[in-house]
Amino acid sequence: MGALAELAGDEKNGDGSRTFVFMNESHTLGNALKTIIARYPEVDFCGYTIPHPTEQKLHFRIQSHRERAIDLLKRGLEDLEALCDHTIETFEKEINSFNAKDVEIN
């Protein structure tokens, strides 16, 4: 993953509202992370933009009146990691099962 920063001047909106800038990231991370975080009941708004197609910057916005945005981002990244780990484990299990059946047939 690329670097992460907060946009300057965002502090005036409180700890629950932040825009994070991910460097060298794209819609792949943005859409997956948005889908996870937007489902949290304490989130009022979650979205992302790619400000310019020639720059690999992802602006990721979280707004909540109940929790700090940075905590929601950390939770979302952890949940996304767990989902990816589960997907890889399930895929590898099914590949091994398929390959075992292929050996039995031949």
PDB file of N, CA and C in Angstrom:
ATOM      1  N   MET A   1       0.848  -1.166   0.000  1.00  0.00           N
ATOM      2  CA  MET A   1       0.000   0.000   0.000  1.00  0.00           C
ATOM      3  C   MET A   1       0.891   1.226   0.000  1.00  0.00           C
ATOM      4  N   GLY A   2       0.404   2.304  -0.576  1.00  0.00           N
ATOM      5  CA  GLY A   2       1.132   3.558  -0.625  1.00  0.00           C
ATOM      6  C   GLY A   2       1.042   4.320   0.681  1.00  0.00           C
ATOM      7  N   ALA A   3       1.529   5.555   0.657  1.00  0.00           N
ATOM      8  CA  ALA A   3       1.524   6.417   1.841  1.00  0.00           C
ATOM      9  C   ALA A   3       0.112   6.925   2.125  1.00  0.00           C
ATOM     10  N   LEU A   4      -0.094   7.378   3.374  1.00  0.00           N
ATOM     11  CA  LEU A   4      -1.396   7.892   3.800  1.00  0.00           C
ATOM     12  C   LEU A   4      -1.183   9.232   4.474  1.00  0.00           C
ATOM     13  N   ALA A   5      -2.050  10.203   4.170  1.00  0.00           N
ATOM     14  CA  ALA A   5      -1.989  11.530   4.800  1.00  0.00           C
ATOM     15  C   ALA A   5      -3.401  12.029   5.021  1.00  0.00           C
ATOM     16  N   GLU A   6      -3.537  13.054   5.884  1.00  0.00           N
ATOM     17  CA  GLU A   6      -4.810  13.735   6.070  1.00  0.00           C
ATOM     18  C   GLU A   6      -4.713  15.070   5.356  1.00  0.00           C
ATOM     19  N   LEU A   7      -5.824  15.514   4.765  1.00  0.00           N
ATOM     20  CA  LEU A   7      -5.813  16.807   4.101  1.00  0.00           C
ATOM     21  C   LEU A   7      -5.670  17.921   5.129  1.00  0.00           C
ATOM     22  N   ALA A   8      -4.861  18.912   4.826  1.00  0.00           N
ATOM     23  CA  ALA A   8      -4.640  20.046   5.716  1.00  0.00           C
ATOM     24  C   ALA A   8      -5.935  20.825   5.911  1.00  0.00           C
ATOM     25  N   GLY A   9      -6.127  21.355   7.121  1.00  0.00           N
ATOM     26  CA  GLY A   9      -7.294  22.184   7.406  1.00  0.00           C
ATOM     27  C   GLY A   9      -8.552  21.420   7.749  1.00  0.00           C
ATOM     28  N   ASP A  10      -8.496  20.118   7.746  1.00  0.00           N
ATOM     29  CA  ASP A  10      -9.675  19.305   8.011  1.00  0.00           C
ATOM     30  C   ASP A  10      -9.990  19.219   9.503  1.00  0.00           C
ATOM     31  N   GLU A  11      -9.052  19.617  10.369  1.00  0.00           N
ATOM     32  CA  GLU A  11      -9.218  19.474  11.814  1.00  0.00           C
ATOM     33  C   GLU A  11     -10.427  20.241  12.341  1.00  0.00           C
ATOM     34  N   LYS A  12     -10.820  21.335  11.681  1.00  0.00           N
ATOM     35  CA  LYS A  12     -11.927  22.159  12.174  1.00  0.00           C
ATOM     36  C   LYS A  12     -13.266  21.423  12.169  1.00  0.00           C
ATOM     37  N   ASN A  13     -13.360  20.326  11.433  1.00  0.00           N
ATOM     38  CA  ASN A  13     -14.610  19.568  11.355  1.00  0.00           C
ATOM     39  C   ASN A  13     -14.741  18.522  12.459  1.00  0.00           C
ATOM     40  N   GLY A  14     -13.774  18.462  13.373  1.00  0.00           N
ATOM     41  CA  GLY A  14     -13.846  17.495  14.466  1.00  0.00           C
ATOM     42  C   GLY A  14     -13.216  16.168  14.102  1.00  0.00           C
ATOM     43  N   ASP A  15     -13.016  15.346  15.130  1.00  0.00           N
ATOM     44  CA  ASP A  15     -12.355  14.050  14.923  1.00  0.00           C
ATOM     45  C   ASP A  15     -13.182  13.063  14.115  1.00  0.00           C
ATOM     46  N   GLY A  16     -14.480  13.269  14.035  1.00  0.00           N
ATOM     47  CA  GLY A  16     -15.345  12.335  13.327  1.00  0.00           C
ATOM     48  C   GLY A  16     -15.381  12.529  11.827  1.00  0.00           C
ATOM     49  N   SER A  17     -14.847  13.642  11.344  1.00  0.00           N
ATOM     50  CA  SER A  17     -14.858  13.933   9.904  1.00  0.00           C
ATOM     51  C   SER A  17     -13.437  14.170   9.416  1.00  0.00           C
ATOM     52  N   ARG A  18     -13.020  13.339   8.495  1.00  0.00           N
ATOM     53  CA  ARG A  18     -11.676  13.456   7.942  1.00  0.00           C
ATOM     54  C   ARG A  18     -11.659  13.013   6.490  1.00  0.00           C
ATOM     55  N   THR A  19     -10.750  13.608   5.747  1.00  0.00           N
ATOM     56  CA  THR A  19     -10.440  13.135   4.400  1.00  0.00           C
ATOM     57  C   THR A  19      -9.004  12.643   4.421  1.00  0.00           C
ATOM     58  N   PHE A  20      -8.819  11.407   4.065  1.00  0.00           N
ATOM     59  CA  PHE A  20      -7.500  10.787   4.027  1.00  0.00           C
ATOM     60  C   PHE A  20      -7.061  10.680   2.581  1.00  0.00           C
ATOM     61  N   VAL A  21      -5.785  10.880   2.325  1.00  0.00           N
ATOM     62  CA  VAL A  21      -5.236  10.776   0.979  1.00  0.00           C
ATOM     63  C   VAL A  21      -4.307   9.571   0.935  1.00  0.00           C
ATOM     64  N   PHE A  22      -4.671   8.602   0.118  1.00  0.00           N
ATOM     65  CA  PHE A  22      -3.840   7.432  -0.119  1.00  0.00           C
ATOM     66  C   PHE A  22      -3.051   7.675  -1.399  1.00  0.00           C
ATOM     67  N   MET A  23      -1.750   7.549  -1.318  1.00  0.00           N
ATOM     68  CA  MET A  23      -0.902   7.702  -2.493  1.00  0.00           C
ATOM     69  C   MET A  23      -0.732   6.340  -3.168  1.00  0.00           C
ATOM     70  N   ASN A  24      -0.671   6.344  -4.487  1.00  0.00           N
ATOM     71  CA  ASN A  24      -0.466   5.133  -5.294  1.00  0.00           C
ATOM     72  C   ASN A  24      -1.573   4.098  -5.085  1.00  0.00           C
ATOM     73  N   GLU A  25      -2.799   4.581  -4.906  1.00  0.00           N
ATOM     74  CA  GLU A  25      -3.947   3.688  -4.792  1.00  0.00           C
ATOM     75  C   GLU A  25      -5.012   4.121  -5.792  1.00  0.00           C
ATOM     76  N   SER A  26      -5.982   3.239  -6.020  1.00  0.00           N
ATOM     77  CA  SER A  26      -6.973   3.504  -7.063  1.00  0.00           C
ATOM     78  C   SER A  26      -8.363   3.057  -6.608  1.00  0.00           C
ATOM     79  N   HIS A  27      -9.246   2.905  -7.580  1.00  0.00           N
ATOM     80  CA  HIS A  27     -10.618   2.471  -7.314  1.00  0.00           C
ATOM     81  C   HIS A  27     -10.658   1.091  -6.644  1.00  0.00           C
ATOM     82  N   THR A  28      -9.652   0.263  -6.879  1.00  0.00           N
ATOM     83  CA  THR A  28      -9.644  -1.075  -6.298  1.00  0.00           C
ATOM     84  C   THR A  28      -9.737  -1.005  -4.779  1.00  0.00           C
ATOM     85  N   LEU A  29      -8.882  -0.222  -4.159  1.00  0.00           N
ATOM     86  CA  LEU A  29      -8.940  -0.046  -2.711  1.00  0.00           C
ATOM     87  C   LEU A  29     -10.129   0.821  -2.315  1.00  0.00           C
ATOM     88  N   GLY A  30     -10.339   1.920  -3.026  1.00  0.00           N
ATOM     89  CA  GLY A  30     -11.390   2.863  -2.668  1.00  0.00           C
ATOM     90  C   GLY A  30     -12.768   2.239  -2.606  1.00  0.00           C
ATOM     91  N   ASN A  31     -13.143   1.505  -3.614  1.00  0.00           N
ATOM     92  CA  ASN A  31     -14.483   0.919  -3.661  1.00  0.00           C
ATOM     93  C   ASN A  31     -14.657  -0.173  -2.609  1.00  0.00           C
ATOM     94  N   ALA A  32     -13.656  -1.025  -2.446  1.00  0.00           N
ATOM     95  CA  ALA A  32     -13.758  -2.102  -1.456  1.00  0.00           C
ATOM     96  C   ALA A  32     -13.847  -1.534  -0.041  1.00  0.00           C
ATOM     97  N   LEU A  33     -12.999  -0.555   0.265  1.00  0.00           N
ATOM     98  CA  LEU A  33     -12.982   0.038   1.598  1.00  0.00           C
ATOM     99  C   LEU A  33     -14.261   0.830   1.871  1.00  0.00           C
ATOM    100  N   LYS A  34     -14.740   1.547   0.872  1.00  0.00           N
ATOM    101  CA  LYS A  34     -15.990   2.304   1.013  1.00  0.00           C
ATOM    102  C   LYS A  34     -17.160   1.367   1.292  1.00  0.00           C
ATOM    103  N   THR A  35     -17.215   0.269   0.592  1.00  0.00           N
ATOM    104  CA  THR A  35     -18.297  -0.697   0.769  1.00  0.00           C
ATOM    105  C   THR A  35     -18.332  -1.226   2.197  1.00  0.00           C
ATOM    106  N   ILE A  36     -17.179  -1.487   2.773  1.00  0.00           N
ATOM    107  CA  ILE A  36     -17.114  -2.007   4.140  1.00  0.00           C
ATOM    108  C   ILE A  36     -17.474  -0.926   5.155  1.00  0.00           C
ATOM    109  N   ILE A  37     -16.817   0.236   5.073  1.00  0.00           N
ATOM    110  CA  ILE A  37     -17.000   1.279   6.090  1.00  0.00           C
ATOM    111  C   ILE A  37     -18.398   1.890   6.029  1.00  0.00           C
ATOM    112  N   ALA A  38     -18.961   2.033   4.861  1.00  0.00           N
ATOM    113  CA  ALA A  38     -20.290   2.645   4.727  1.00  0.00           C
ATOM    114  C   ALA A  38     -21.372   1.827   5.432  1.00  0.00           C
ATOM    115  N   ARG A  39     -21.120   0.565   5.672  1.00  0.00           N
ATOM    116  CA  ARG A  39     -22.105  -0.301   6.337  1.00  0.00           C
ATOM    117  C   ARG A  39     -22.067  -0.193   7.857  1.00  0.00           C
ATOM    118  N   TYR A  40     -21.053   0.436   8.408  1.00  0.00           N
ATOM    119  CA  TYR A  40     -20.992   0.590   9.855  1.00  0.00           C
ATOM    120  C   TYR A  40     -22.107   1.532  10.293  1.00  0.00           C
ATOM    121  N   PRO A  41     -22.870   1.167  11.322  1.00  0.00           N
ATOM    122  CA  PRO A  41     -24.006   2.006  11.734  1.00  0.00           C
ATOM    123  C   PRO A  41     -23.590   3.385  12.247  1.00  0.00           C
ATOM    124  N   GLU A  42     -22.371   3.544  12.733  1.00  0.00           N
ATOM    125  CA  GLU A  42     -21.940   4.829  13.259  1.00  0.00           C
ATOM    126  C   GLU A  42     -21.420   5.785  12.187  1.00  0.00           C
ATOM    127  N   VAL A  43     -21.408   5.346  10.933  1.00  0.00           N
ATOM    128  CA  VAL A  43     -20.914   6.178   9.831  1.00  0.00           C
ATOM    129  C   VAL A  43     -22.078   6.942   9.197  1.00  0.00           C
ATOM    130  N   ASP A  44     -21.924   8.275   9.134  1.00  0.00           N
ATOM    131  CA  ASP A  44     -22.931   9.126   8.494  1.00  0.00           C
ATOM    132  C   ASP A  44     -22.670   9.249   6.992  1.00  0.00           C
ATOM    133  N   PHE A  45     -21.400   9.277   6.601  1.00  0.00           N
ATOM    134  CA  PHE A  45     -21.037   9.375   5.187  1.00  0.00           C
ATOM    135  C   PHE A  45     -19.681   8.727   4.981  1.00  0.00           C
ATOM    136  N   CYS A  46     -19.538   8.042   3.869  1.00  0.00           N
ATOM    137  CA  CYS A  46     -18.255   7.472   3.473  1.00  0.00           C
ATOM    138  C   CYS A  46     -18.208   7.475   1.954  1.00  0.00           C
ATOM    139  N   GLY A  47     -17.141   8.019   1.404  1.00  0.00           N
ATOM    140  CA  GLY A  47     -16.994   8.047  -0.040  1.00  0.00           C
ATOM    141  C   GLY A  47     -15.561   8.332  -0.429  1.00  0.00           C
ATOM    142  N   TYR A  48     -15.277   8.220  -1.702  1.00  0.00           N
ATOM    143  CA  TYR A  48     -13.924   8.489  -2.176  1.00  0.00           C
ATOM    144  C   TYR A  48     -13.969   9.109  -3.559  1.00  0.00           C
ATOM    145  N   THR A  49     -12.884   9.767  -3.901  1.00  0.00           N
ATOM    146  CA  THR A  49     -12.717  10.309  -5.246  1.00  0.00           C
ATOM    147  C   THR A  49     -11.282  10.090  -5.695  1.00  0.00           C
ATOM    148  N   ILE A  50     -11.116  10.056  -6.986  1.00  0.00           N
ATOM    149  CA  ILE A  50      -9.808  10.112  -7.618  1.00  0.00           C
ATOM    150  C   ILE A  50      -9.791  11.487  -8.284  1.00  0.00           C
ATOM    151  N   PRO A  51      -9.148  12.497  -7.661  1.00  0.00           N
ATOM    152  CA  PRO A  51      -9.275  13.874  -8.145  1.00  0.00           C
ATOM    153  C   PRO A  51      -8.828  14.094  -9.590  1.00  0.00           C
ATOM    154  N   HIS A  52      -7.792  13.391 -10.021  1.00  0.00           N
ATOM    155  CA  HIS A  52      -7.316  13.569 -11.389  1.00  0.00           C
ATOM    156  C   HIS A  52      -6.774  12.243 -11.908  1.00  0.00           C
ATOM    157  N   PRO A  53      -7.162  11.850 -13.114  1.00  0.00           N
ATOM    158  CA  PRO A  53      -6.778  10.522 -13.616  1.00  0.00           C
ATOM    159  C   PRO A  53      -5.274  10.318 -13.814  1.00  0.00           C
ATOM    160  N   THR A  54      -4.506  11.397 -13.920  1.00  0.00           N
ATOM    161  CA  THR A  54      -3.061  11.220 -14.124  1.00  0.00           C
ATOM    162  C   THR A  54      -2.288  11.132 -12.808  1.00  0.00           C
ATOM    163  N   GLU A  55      -2.960  11.379 -11.688  1.00  0.00           N
ATOM    164  CA  GLU A  55      -2.308  11.270 -10.385  1.00  0.00           C
ATOM    165  C   GLU A  55      -2.878  10.070  -9.653  1.00  0.00           C
ATOM    166  N   GLN A  56      -2.013   9.281  -9.085  1.00  0.00           N
ATOM    167  CA  GLN A  56      -2.479   8.108  -8.337  1.00  0.00           C
ATOM    168  C   GLN A  56      -2.716   8.499  -6.883  1.00  0.00           C
ATOM    169  N   LYS A  57      -3.742   9.327  -6.681  1.00  0.00           N
ATOM    170  CA  LYS A  57      -4.153   9.749  -5.346  1.00  0.00           C
ATOM    171  C   LYS A  57      -5.614   9.390  -5.148  1.00  0.00           C
ATOM    172  N   LEU A  58      -5.897   8.839  -3.998  1.00  0.00           N
ATOM    173  CA  LEU A  58      -7.253   8.464  -3.630  1.00  0.00           C
ATOM    174  C   LEU A  58      -7.638   9.304  -2.419  1.00  0.00           C
ATOM    175  N   HIS A  59      -8.661  10.143  -2.561  1.00  0.00           N
ATOM    176  CA  HIS A  59      -9.179  10.928  -1.437  1.00  0.00           C
ATOM    177  C   HIS A  59     -10.341  10.154  -0.837  1.00  0.00           C
ATOM    178  N   PHE A  60     -10.208   9.805   0.443  1.00  0.00           N
ATOM    179  CA  PHE A  60     -11.183   8.947   1.114  1.00  0.00           C
ATOM    180  C   PHE A  60     -11.790   9.711   2.279  1.00  0.00           C
ATOM    181  N   ARG A  61     -13.099   9.948   2.248  1.00  0.00           N
ATOM    182  CA  ARG A  61     -13.801  10.769   3.242  1.00  0.00           C
ATOM    183  C   ARG A  61     -14.660   9.905   4.152  1.00  0.00           C
ATOM    184  N   ILE A  62     -14.537  10.150   5.467  1.00  0.00           N
ATOM    185  CA  ILE A  62     -15.370   9.486   6.465  1.00  0.00           C
ATOM    186  C   ILE A  62     -15.957  10.572   7.364  1.00  0.00           C
ATOM    187  N   GLN A  63     -17.270  10.480   7.614  1.00  0.00           N
ATOM    188  CA  GLN A  63     -17.935  11.396   8.534  1.00  0.00           C
ATOM    189  C   GLN A  63     -18.765  10.583   9.522  1.00  0.00           C
ATOM    190  N   SER A  64     -18.569  10.903  10.819  1.00  0.00           N
ATOM    191  CA  SER A  64     -19.309  10.243  11.883  1.00  0.00           C
ATOM    192  C   SER A  64     -19.416  11.200  13.057  1.00  0.00           C
ATOM    193  N   HIS A  65     -20.569  11.194  13.708  1.00  0.00           N
ATOM    194  CA  HIS A  65     -20.739  12.001  14.912  1.00  0.00           C
ATOM    195  C   HIS A  65     -20.501  11.169  16.172  1.00  0.00           C
ATOM    196  N   ARG A  66     -20.226   9.878  16.002  1.00  0.00           N
ATOM    197  CA  ARG A  66     -20.111   8.991  17.151  1.00  0.00           C
ATOM    198  C   ARG A  66     -18.705   8.436  17.378  1.00  0.00           C
ATOM    199  N   GLU A  67     -17.878   8.372  16.336  1.00  0.00           N
ATOM    200  CA  GLU A  67     -16.527   7.812  16.478  1.00  0.00           C
ATOM    201  C   GLU A  67     -15.535   8.653  15.695  1.00  0.00           C
ATOM    202  N   ARG A  68     -14.265   8.501  16.062  1.00  0.00           N
ATOM    203  CA  ARG A  68     -13.216   9.200  15.316  1.00  0.00           C
ATOM    204  C   ARG A  68     -13.046   8.552  13.944  1.00  0.00           C
ATOM    205  N   ALA A  69     -12.870   9.373  12.943  1.00  0.00           N
ATOM    206  CA  ALA A  69     -12.719   8.880  11.570  1.00  0.00           C
ATOM    207  C   ALA A  69     -11.508   7.963  11.434  1.00  0.00           C
ATOM    208  N   ILE A  70     -10.410   8.300  12.107  1.00  0.00           N
ATOM    209  CA  ILE A  70      -9.205   7.468  11.998  1.00  0.00           C
ATOM    210  C   ILE A  70      -9.446   6.072  12.554  1.00  0.00           C
ATOM    211  N   ASP A  71     -10.258   5.971  13.620  1.00  0.00           N
ATOM    212  CA  ASP A  71     -10.577   4.653  14.183  1.00  0.00           C
ATOM    213  C   ASP A  71     -11.443   3.840  13.226  1.00  0.00           C
ATOM    214  N   LEU A  72     -12.366   4.514  12.559  1.00  0.00           N
ATOM    215  CA  LEU A  72     -13.213   3.828  11.570  1.00  0.00           C
ATOM    216  C   LEU A  72     -12.382   3.366  10.373  1.00  0.00           C
ATOM    217  N   LEU A  73     -11.420   4.186   9.964  1.00  0.00           N
ATOM    218  CA  LEU A  73     -10.538   3.796   8.858  1.00  0.00           C
ATOM    219  C   LEU A  73      -9.711   2.575   9.237  1.00  0.00           C
ATOM    220  N   LYS A  74      -9.130   2.587  10.424  1.00  0.00           N
ATOM    221  CA  LYS A  74      -8.337   1.434  10.882  1.00  0.00           C
ATOM    222  C   LYS A  74      -9.192   0.174  10.927  1.00  0.00           C
ATOM    223  N   ARG A  75     -10.398   0.299  11.480  1.00  0.00           N
ATOM    224  CA  ARG A  75     -11.316  -0.846  11.557  1.00  0.00           C
ATOM    225  C   ARG A  75     -11.658  -1.350  10.161  1.00  0.00           C
ATOM    226  N   GLY A  76     -11.927  -0.433   9.237  1.00  0.00           N
ATOM    227  CA  GLY A  76     -12.251  -0.817   7.870  1.00  0.00           C
ATOM    228  C   GLY A  76     -11.106  -1.537   7.185  1.00  0.00           C
ATOM    229  N   LEU A  77      -9.887  -1.050   7.377  1.00  0.00           N
ATOM    230  CA  LEU A  77      -8.723  -1.710   6.783  1.00  0.00           C
ATOM    231  C   LEU A  77      -8.509  -3.102   7.366  1.00  0.00           C
ATOM    232  N   GLU A  78      -8.725  -3.239   8.671  1.00  0.00           N
ATOM    233  CA  GLU A  78      -8.605  -4.555   9.305  1.00  0.00           C
ATOM    234  C   GLU A  78      -9.678  -5.516   8.799  1.00  0.00           C
ATOM    235  N   ASP A  79     -10.911  -5.021   8.662  1.00  0.00           N
ATOM    236  CA  ASP A  79     -12.000  -5.868   8.147  1.00  0.00           C
ATOM    237  C   ASP A  79     -11.749  -6.262   6.692  1.00  0.00           C
ATOM    238  N   LEU A  80     -11.218  -5.338   5.902  1.00  0.00           N
ATOM    239  CA  LEU A  80     -10.898  -5.641   4.503  1.00  0.00           C
ATOM    240  C   LEU A  80      -9.786  -6.683   4.423  1.00  0.00           C
ATOM    241  N   GLU A  81      -8.786  -6.554   5.282  1.00  0.00           N
ATOM    242  CA  GLU A  81      -7.703  -7.540   5.313  1.00  0.00           C
ATOM    243  C   GLU A  81      -8.238  -8.924   5.667  1.00  0.00           C
ATOM    244  N   ALA A  82      -9.126  -8.986   6.673  1.00  0.00           N
ATOM    245  CA  ALA A  82      -9.714 -10.270   7.071  1.00  0.00           C
ATOM    246  C   ALA A  82     -10.529 -10.876   5.932  1.00  0.00           C
ATOM    247  N   LEU A  83     -11.267 -10.043   5.209  1.00  0.00           N
ATOM    248  CA  LEU A  83     -12.049 -10.518   4.066  1.00  0.00           C
ATOM    249  C   LEU A  83     -11.140 -11.067   2.967  1.00  0.00           C
ATOM    250  N   CYS A  84     -10.047 -10.374   2.698  1.00  0.00           N
ATOM    251  CA  CYS A  84      -9.089 -10.841   1.681  1.00  0.00           C
ATOM    252  C   CYS A  84      -8.445 -12.156   2.106  1.00  0.00           C
ATOM    253  N   ASP A  85      -8.061 -12.259   3.393  1.00  0.00           N
ATOM    254  CA  ASP A  85      -7.472 -13.505   3.893  1.00  0.00           C
ATOM    255  C   ASP A  85      -8.450 -14.666   3.735  1.00  0.00           C
ATOM    256  N   HIS A  86      -9.710 -14.429   4.084  1.00  0.00           N
ATOM    257  CA  HIS A  86     -10.732 -15.482   3.950  1.00  0.00           C
ATOM    258  C   HIS A  86     -10.897 -15.892   2.485  1.00  0.00           C
ATOM    259  N   THR A  87     -10.901 -14.908   1.589  1.00  0.00           N
ATOM    260  CA  THR A  87     -11.055 -15.198   0.161  1.00  0.00           C
ATOM    261  C   THR A  87      -9.894 -16.047  -0.350  1.00  0.00           C
ATOM    262  N   ILE A  88      -8.679 -15.698   0.034  1.00  0.00           N
ATOM    263  CA  ILE A  88      -7.494 -16.456  -0.398  1.00  0.00           C
ATOM    264  C   ILE A  88      -7.543 -17.881   0.150  1.00  0.00           C
ATOM    265  N   GLU A  89      -7.868 -18.022   1.444  1.00  0.00           N
ATOM    266  CA  GLU A  89      -7.947 -19.357   2.049  1.00  0.00           C
ATOM    267  C   GLU A  89      -8.995 -20.223   1.370  1.00  0.00           C
ATOM    268  N   THR A  90     -10.158 -19.662   1.105  1.00  0.00           N
ATOM    269  CA  THR A  90     -11.234 -20.400   0.446  1.00  0.00           C
ATOM    270  C   THR A  90     -10.825 -20.797  -0.967  1.00  0.00           C
ATOM    271  N   PHE A  91     -10.205 -19.872  -1.698  1.00  0.00           N
ATOM    272  CA  PHE A  91      -9.755 -20.152  -3.063  1.00  0.00           C
ATOM    273  C   PHE A  91      -8.722 -21.281  -3.073  1.00  0.00           C
ATOM    274  N   GLU A  92      -7.724 -21.186  -2.200  1.00  0.00           N
ATOM    275  CA  GLU A  92      -6.679 -22.210  -2.156  1.00  0.00           C
ATOM    276  C   GLU A  92      -7.249 -23.572  -1.769  1.00  0.00           C
ATOM    277  N   LYS A  93      -8.202 -23.600  -0.843  1.00  0.00           N
ATOM    278  CA  LYS A  93      -8.840 -24.853  -0.441  1.00  0.00           C
ATOM    279  C   LYS A  93      -9.564 -25.489  -1.626  1.00  0.00           C
ATOM    280  N   GLU A  94     -10.290 -24.668  -2.376  1.00  0.00           N
ATOM    281  CA  GLU A  94     -11.028 -25.192  -3.526  1.00  0.00           C
ATOM    282  C   GLU A  94     -10.084 -25.648  -4.652  1.00  0.00           C
ATOM    283  N   ILE A  95      -8.997 -24.939  -4.870  1.00  0.00           N
ATOM    284  CA  ILE A  95      -8.007 -25.351  -5.881  1.00  0.00           C
ATOM    285  C   ILE A  95      -7.399 -26.696  -5.497  1.00  0.00           C
ATOM    286  N   ASN A  96      -7.037 -26.845  -4.234  1.00  0.00           N
ATOM    287  CA  ASN A  96      -6.465 -28.121  -3.774  1.00  0.00           C
ATOM    288  C   ASN A  96      -7.469 -29.250  -3.911  1.00  0.00           C
ATOM    289  N   SER A  97      -8.728 -28.978  -3.602  1.00  0.00           N
ATOM    290  CA  SER A  97      -9.775 -29.985  -3.743  1.00  0.00           C
ATOM    291  C   SER A  97      -9.948 -30.373  -5.211  1.00  0.00           C
ATOM    292  N   PHE A  98      -9.948 -29.384  -6.085  1.00  0.00           N
ATOM    293  CA  PHE A  98     -10.089 -29.641  -7.517  1.00  0.00           C
ATOM    294  C   PHE A  98      -8.912 -30.461  -8.035  1.00  0.00           C
ATOM    295  N   ASN A  99      -7.702 -30.073  -7.643  1.00  0.00           N
ATOM    296  CA  ASN A  99      -6.518 -30.781  -8.109  1.00  0.00           C
ATOM    297  C   ASN A  99      -6.506 -32.229  -7.599  1.00  0.00           C
ATOM    298  N   ALA A 100      -6.979 -32.467  -6.381  1.00  0.00           N
ATOM    299  CA  ALA A 100      -7.046 -33.827  -5.833  1.00  0.00           C
ATOM    300  C   ALA A 100      -8.020 -34.679  -6.627  1.00  0.00           C
ATOM    301  N   LYS A 101      -9.159 -34.111  -7.036  1.00  0.00           N
ATOM    302  CA  LYS A 101     -10.126 -34.843  -7.846  1.00  0.00           C
ATOM    303  C   LYS A 101      -9.571 -35.135  -9.237  1.00  0.00           C
ATOM    304  N   ASP A 102      -8.818 -34.199  -9.787  1.00  0.00           N
ATOM    305  CA  ASP A 102      -8.216 -34.374 -11.116  1.00  0.00           C
ATOM    306  C   ASP A 102      -7.199 -35.520 -11.092  1.00  0.00           C
ATOM    307  N   VAL A 103      -6.442 -35.656 -10.016  1.00  0.00           N
ATOM    308  CA  VAL A 103      -5.484 -36.745  -9.875  1.00  0.00           C
ATOM    309  C   VAL A 103      -6.192 -38.078  -9.785  1.00  0.00           C
ATOM    310  N   GLU A 104      -7.324 -38.133  -9.074  1.00  0.00           N
ATOM    311  CA  GLU A 104      -8.087 -39.366  -8.930  1.00  0.00           C
ATOM    312  C   GLU A 104      -8.661 -39.838 -10.257  1.00  0.00           C
ATOM    313  N   ILE A 105      -9.071 -38.910 -11.126  1.00  0.00           N
ATOM    314  CA  ILE A 105      -9.674 -39.258 -12.421  1.00  0.00           C
ATOM    315  C   ILE A 105      -8.619 -39.796 -13.357  1.00  0.00           C
ATOM    316  N   ASN A 106      -7.448 -39.216 -13.352  1.00  0.00           N
ATOM    317  CA  ASN A 106      -6.384 -39.641 -14.273  1.00  0.00           C
ATOM    318  C   ASN A 106      -5.684 -40.809 -13.658  1.00  0.00           C
TER     319      ASN A 106
END
